[in-house]
Amino acid sequence: MKNAKVLASLEVHRTRRAKAKGLLGRESLEGAVMLVDTKSVHTVMMKFDIDVAFLDAHNRVIKIVTMVPYRISPFVMKAKSVVEVEAGAFARWGVQVGDELEVRE
């Protein structure tokens, strides 16, 4: 959520296994995926471009990158988690660096 507006349904991946699988094998992504305790991601073997928001301990966006398949993101030392969405979603939703996102599980 941003400014009390629900942006997307969210899958939260906490386990090593769930985070390792991530979006592999998917043709697209409806909603968003959060990887907890993550500072870097990759798009090896992915079939579509994604936007990645790196969040601090308060779910504040500290960096956003767009990634094409077969790339490795920067390592963001201050990140506590990441949120992955289909490329362009953050721009459509108005999500920017500095925004604080509310996560409801």
N, C-alpha and C. Protein backbone atom coordinates (compact mmCIF):
# COMPACT_ATOMS: atom_id res chain seq x y z
N MET A 1 0.84 -1.19 0.00
CA MET A 1 0.00 0.00 0.00
C MET A 1 0.88 1.24 0.00
N LYS A 2 0.37 2.26 -0.67
CA LYS A 2 1.01 3.57 -0.67
C LYS A 2 -0.09 4.60 -0.50
N ASN A 3 0.05 5.45 0.49
CA ASN A 3 -0.97 6.47 0.76
C ASN A 3 -2.35 5.84 0.88
N ALA A 4 -2.43 4.70 1.60
CA ALA A 4 -3.67 3.97 1.85
C ALA A 4 -4.30 3.41 0.57
N LYS A 5 -3.56 3.34 -0.51
CA LYS A 5 -4.05 2.77 -1.76
C LYS A 5 -3.40 1.41 -1.97
N VAL A 6 -4.23 0.38 -2.17
CA VAL A 6 -3.70 -0.96 -2.42
C VAL A 6 -3.15 -0.99 -3.84
N LEU A 7 -1.88 -1.34 -3.95
CA LEU A 7 -1.22 -1.37 -5.26
C LEU A 7 -1.31 -2.73 -5.92
N ALA A 8 -1.18 -3.81 -5.13
CA ALA A 8 -1.17 -5.14 -5.71
C ALA A 8 -1.28 -6.20 -4.63
N SER A 9 -1.70 -7.39 -5.04
CA SER A 9 -1.60 -8.53 -4.13
C SER A 9 -0.13 -8.89 -4.03
N LEU A 10 0.27 -9.44 -2.90
CA LEU A 10 1.68 -9.66 -2.63
C LEU A 10 1.92 -11.07 -2.11
N GLU A 11 2.87 -11.75 -2.73
CA GLU A 11 3.37 -13.03 -2.22
C GLU A 11 4.63 -12.70 -1.43
N VAL A 12 4.74 -13.20 -0.21
CA VAL A 12 5.93 -12.96 0.60
C VAL A 12 6.72 -14.27 0.68
N HIS A 13 7.97 -14.22 0.23
CA HIS A 13 8.85 -15.38 0.27
C HIS A 13 9.89 -15.17 1.36
N ARG A 14 9.86 -16.03 2.36
CA ARG A 14 10.77 -15.91 3.50
C ARG A 14 11.84 -17.02 3.53
N THR A 15 11.49 -18.20 3.06
CA THR A 15 12.42 -19.32 3.16
C THR A 15 13.46 -19.27 2.04
N ARG A 16 14.59 -19.88 2.31
CA ARG A 16 15.66 -19.94 1.31
C ARG A 16 15.15 -20.58 0.02
N ARG A 17 14.39 -21.65 0.15
CA ARG A 17 13.86 -22.36 -1.03
C ARG A 17 12.91 -21.47 -1.83
N ALA A 18 11.97 -20.82 -1.16
CA ALA A 18 11.01 -19.96 -1.85
C ALA A 18 11.72 -18.79 -2.54
N LYS A 19 12.71 -18.21 -1.86
CA LYS A 19 13.46 -17.10 -2.45
C LYS A 19 14.29 -17.56 -3.64
N ALA A 20 14.86 -18.76 -3.56
CA ALA A 20 15.67 -19.27 -4.67
C ALA A 20 14.81 -19.50 -5.91
N LYS A 21 13.60 -19.98 -5.72
CA LYS A 21 12.70 -20.20 -6.86
C LYS A 21 12.18 -18.88 -7.41
N GLY A 22 11.79 -17.98 -6.51
CA GLY A 22 11.33 -16.66 -6.94
C GLY A 22 10.33 -16.71 -8.07
N LEU A 23 10.67 -16.08 -9.19
CA LEU A 23 9.77 -16.01 -10.34
C LEU A 23 10.13 -17.01 -11.44
N LEU A 24 11.07 -17.90 -11.17
CA LEU A 24 11.49 -18.86 -12.19
C LEU A 24 10.32 -19.72 -12.65
N GLY A 25 10.24 -19.91 -13.95
CA GLY A 25 9.20 -20.74 -14.53
C GLY A 25 7.90 -20.00 -14.84
N ARG A 26 7.80 -18.78 -14.43
CA ARG A 26 6.58 -18.00 -14.70
C ARG A 26 6.68 -17.28 -16.04
N GLU A 27 5.56 -17.15 -16.69
CA GLU A 27 5.49 -16.41 -17.95
C GLU A 27 5.22 -14.93 -17.73
N SER A 28 4.62 -14.62 -16.58
CA SER A 28 4.28 -13.23 -16.24
C SER A 28 4.06 -13.17 -14.73
N LEU A 29 3.74 -12.00 -14.24
CA LEU A 29 3.51 -11.82 -12.81
C LEU A 29 2.31 -10.92 -12.60
N GLU A 30 1.32 -11.45 -11.93
CA GLU A 30 0.18 -10.65 -11.49
C GLU A 30 0.48 -10.24 -10.06
N GLY A 31 0.47 -8.97 -9.76
CA GLY A 31 0.76 -8.52 -8.41
C GLY A 31 2.25 -8.34 -8.20
N ALA A 32 2.72 -8.76 -7.02
CA ALA A 32 4.11 -8.52 -6.64
C ALA A 32 4.62 -9.67 -5.76
N VAL A 33 5.94 -9.81 -5.73
CA VAL A 33 6.59 -10.79 -4.87
C VAL A 33 7.60 -10.06 -4.00
N MET A 34 7.57 -10.35 -2.69
CA MET A 34 8.54 -9.77 -1.77
C MET A 34 9.48 -10.88 -1.30
N LEU A 35 10.78 -10.61 -1.40
CA LEU A 35 11.81 -11.53 -0.91
C LEU A 35 12.41 -10.89 0.35
N VAL A 36 12.17 -11.52 1.48
CA VAL A 36 12.61 -10.98 2.77
C VAL A 36 14.09 -11.32 3.00
N ASP A 37 14.80 -10.43 3.68
CA ASP A 37 16.23 -10.61 3.96
C ASP A 37 17.03 -10.82 2.68
N THR A 38 16.84 -9.91 1.73
CA THR A 38 17.50 -10.01 0.42
C THR A 38 18.11 -8.68 0.06
N LYS A 39 19.32 -8.71 -0.45
CA LYS A 39 20.03 -7.49 -0.83
C LYS A 39 20.37 -7.44 -2.32
N SER A 40 20.12 -8.54 -3.03
CA SER A 40 20.44 -8.63 -4.45
C SER A 40 19.58 -9.74 -5.06
N VAL A 41 19.25 -9.59 -6.34
CA VAL A 41 18.47 -10.63 -7.05
C VAL A 41 19.09 -10.86 -8.42
N HIS A 42 18.60 -11.88 -9.10
CA HIS A 42 19.05 -12.14 -10.47
C HIS A 42 17.83 -12.47 -11.33
N THR A 43 18.02 -12.40 -12.63
CA THR A 43 16.94 -12.74 -13.57
C THR A 43 17.38 -13.86 -14.51
N VAL A 44 18.32 -14.68 -14.05
CA VAL A 44 18.78 -15.81 -14.85
C VAL A 44 17.61 -16.77 -15.08
N MET A 45 17.40 -17.14 -16.33
CA MET A 45 16.33 -18.05 -16.77
C MET A 45 14.93 -17.45 -16.65
N MET A 46 14.83 -16.14 -16.46
CA MET A 46 13.51 -15.51 -16.41
C MET A 46 13.04 -15.22 -17.83
N LYS A 47 11.73 -15.09 -17.99
CA LYS A 47 11.14 -14.92 -19.31
C LYS A 47 10.58 -13.53 -19.56
N PHE A 48 10.73 -12.63 -18.59
CA PHE A 48 10.19 -11.28 -18.77
C PHE A 48 10.99 -10.29 -17.93
N ASP A 49 10.89 -9.02 -18.29
CA ASP A 49 11.58 -7.95 -17.57
C ASP A 49 10.84 -7.66 -16.26
N ILE A 50 11.60 -7.26 -15.23
CA ILE A 50 10.98 -6.92 -13.96
C ILE A 50 11.54 -5.60 -13.43
N ASP A 51 10.75 -4.97 -12.57
CA ASP A 51 11.22 -3.86 -11.75
C ASP A 51 11.48 -4.43 -10.37
N VAL A 52 12.54 -3.96 -9.73
CA VAL A 52 12.89 -4.41 -8.39
C VAL A 52 13.04 -3.18 -7.50
N ALA A 53 12.29 -3.16 -6.41
CA ALA A 53 12.43 -2.10 -5.41
C ALA A 53 13.14 -2.69 -4.21
N PHE A 54 14.24 -2.06 -3.81
CA PHE A 54 14.98 -2.46 -2.62
C PHE A 54 14.44 -1.64 -1.46
N LEU A 55 14.06 -2.32 -0.37
CA LEU A 55 13.43 -1.67 0.77
C LEU A 55 14.32 -1.75 2.00
N ASP A 56 14.29 -0.70 2.82
CA ASP A 56 15.04 -0.73 4.08
C ASP A 56 14.19 -1.40 5.16
N ALA A 57 14.63 -1.33 6.40
CA ALA A 57 13.94 -1.99 7.51
C ALA A 57 12.55 -1.43 7.77
N HIS A 58 12.26 -0.23 7.25
CA HIS A 58 10.95 0.40 7.44
C HIS A 58 10.10 0.32 6.18
N ASN A 59 10.49 -0.56 5.24
CA ASN A 59 9.83 -0.72 3.94
C ASN A 59 9.84 0.56 3.12
N ARG A 60 10.87 1.36 3.32
CA ARG A 60 11.06 2.57 2.53
C ARG A 60 11.88 2.18 1.30
N VAL A 61 11.44 2.63 0.13
CA VAL A 61 12.14 2.31 -1.11
C VAL A 61 13.45 3.09 -1.15
N ILE A 62 14.57 2.35 -1.27
CA ILE A 62 15.87 3.01 -1.30
C ILE A 62 16.52 2.93 -2.68
N LYS A 63 16.02 2.04 -3.54
CA LYS A 63 16.54 1.95 -4.91
C LYS A 63 15.54 1.18 -5.74
N ILE A 64 15.38 1.59 -7.00
CA ILE A 64 14.54 0.86 -7.96
C ILE A 64 15.37 0.63 -9.20
N VAL A 65 15.35 -0.61 -9.68
CA VAL A 65 16.04 -0.94 -10.93
C VAL A 65 15.09 -1.75 -11.82
N THR A 66 15.26 -1.62 -13.12
CA THR A 66 14.56 -2.45 -14.08
C THR A 66 15.58 -3.46 -14.61
N MET A 67 15.17 -4.72 -14.64
CA MET A 67 16.09 -5.77 -15.03
C MET A 67 15.52 -6.60 -16.18
N VAL A 68 16.34 -6.86 -17.17
CA VAL A 68 15.99 -7.77 -18.26
C VAL A 68 16.49 -9.16 -17.86
N PRO A 69 16.03 -10.20 -18.55
CA PRO A 69 16.51 -11.55 -18.23
C PRO A 69 18.03 -11.68 -18.32
N TYR A 70 18.54 -12.57 -17.50
CA TYR A 70 19.97 -12.93 -17.44
C TYR A 70 20.86 -11.80 -16.94
N ARG A 71 20.41 -11.13 -15.89
CA ARG A 71 21.20 -10.08 -15.27
C ARG A 71 21.25 -10.30 -13.76
N ILE A 72 22.21 -9.66 -13.11
CA ILE A 72 22.32 -9.67 -11.65
C ILE A 72 22.19 -8.23 -11.19
N SER A 73 21.36 -8.01 -10.18
CA SER A 73 21.14 -6.65 -9.67
C SER A 73 22.36 -6.19 -8.89
N PRO A 74 22.40 -4.89 -8.62
CA PRO A 74 23.43 -4.41 -7.68
C PRO A 74 23.15 -5.00 -6.30
N PHE A 75 24.20 -5.09 -5.50
CA PHE A 75 24.08 -5.50 -4.11
C PHE A 75 23.81 -4.22 -3.33
N VAL A 76 22.65 -4.15 -2.67
CA VAL A 76 22.26 -2.94 -1.94
C VAL A 76 22.39 -3.22 -0.44
N MET A 77 23.50 -2.77 0.11
CA MET A 77 23.87 -3.10 1.48
C MET A 77 22.78 -2.76 2.50
N LYS A 78 22.10 -1.64 2.34
CA LYS A 78 21.08 -1.21 3.31
C LYS A 78 19.73 -1.89 3.13
N ALA A 79 19.57 -2.69 2.06
CA ALA A 79 18.29 -3.35 1.79
C ALA A 79 18.02 -4.45 2.81
N LYS A 80 16.79 -4.54 3.22
CA LYS A 80 16.33 -5.63 4.09
C LYS A 80 15.41 -6.58 3.33
N SER A 81 14.84 -6.11 2.23
CA SER A 81 13.98 -6.94 1.39
C SER A 81 13.87 -6.29 0.02
N VAL A 82 13.32 -7.05 -0.93
CA VAL A 82 13.06 -6.51 -2.26
C VAL A 82 11.62 -6.85 -2.65
N VAL A 83 11.06 -6.03 -3.51
CA VAL A 83 9.76 -6.31 -4.10
C VAL A 83 9.96 -6.36 -5.60
N GLU A 84 9.50 -7.45 -6.22
CA GLU A 84 9.60 -7.63 -7.66
C GLU A 84 8.22 -7.52 -8.29
N VAL A 85 8.15 -6.79 -9.40
CA VAL A 85 6.91 -6.63 -10.16
C VAL A 85 7.26 -6.66 -11.65
N GLU A 86 6.26 -6.81 -12.50
CA GLU A 86 6.53 -6.72 -13.93
C GLU A 86 7.05 -5.32 -14.26
N ALA A 87 7.97 -5.25 -15.20
CA ALA A 87 8.56 -3.97 -15.58
C ALA A 87 7.48 -2.95 -15.93
N GLY A 88 7.63 -1.75 -15.41
CA GLY A 88 6.70 -0.66 -15.66
C GLY A 88 5.64 -0.47 -14.59
N ALA A 89 5.46 -1.47 -13.73
CA ALA A 89 4.40 -1.39 -12.71
C ALA A 89 4.65 -0.28 -11.71
N PHE A 90 5.89 -0.12 -11.24
CA PHE A 90 6.15 0.93 -10.26
C PHE A 90 5.86 2.31 -10.86
N ALA A 91 6.21 2.52 -12.11
CA ALA A 91 5.94 3.81 -12.76
C ALA A 91 4.43 4.04 -12.85
N ARG A 92 3.68 3.00 -13.23
CA ARG A 92 2.21 3.14 -13.32
C ARG A 92 1.60 3.45 -11.97
N TRP A 93 2.16 2.87 -10.91
CA TRP A 93 1.62 3.06 -9.56
C TRP A 93 2.17 4.31 -8.89
N GLY A 94 3.16 4.94 -9.48
CA GLY A 94 3.75 6.14 -8.89
C GLY A 94 4.70 5.85 -7.75
N VAL A 95 5.24 4.63 -7.67
CA VAL A 95 6.18 4.27 -6.61
C VAL A 95 7.55 4.83 -6.96
N GLN A 96 8.15 5.54 -5.99
CA GLN A 96 9.45 6.19 -6.20
C GLN A 96 10.35 5.97 -5.00
N VAL A 97 11.64 6.19 -5.21
CA VAL A 97 12.60 6.14 -4.11
C VAL A 97 12.13 7.13 -3.03
N GLY A 98 12.17 6.68 -1.79
CA GLY A 98 11.72 7.50 -0.66
C GLY A 98 10.33 7.14 -0.18
N ASP A 99 9.53 6.49 -1.02
CA ASP A 99 8.19 6.07 -0.60
C ASP A 99 8.27 4.98 0.44
N GLU A 100 7.36 4.98 1.39
CA GLU A 100 7.26 3.91 2.37
C GLU A 100 6.05 3.05 2.01
N LEU A 101 6.30 1.77 1.80
CA LEU A 101 5.23 0.85 1.42
C LEU A 101 4.72 0.10 2.64
N GLU A 102 3.43 -0.08 2.71
CA GLU A 102 2.84 -0.86 3.80
C GLU A 102 2.58 -2.27 3.27
N VAL A 103 3.05 -3.25 4.00
CA VAL A 103 2.87 -4.64 3.62
C VAL A 103 1.90 -5.29 4.59
N ARG A 104 0.84 -5.87 4.05
CA ARG A 104 -0.13 -6.58 4.88
C ARG A 104 -0.15 -8.03 4.46
N GLU A 105 0.09 -8.90 5.42
CA GLU A 105 0.09 -10.34 5.12
C GLU A 105 -1.19 -10.98 5.62
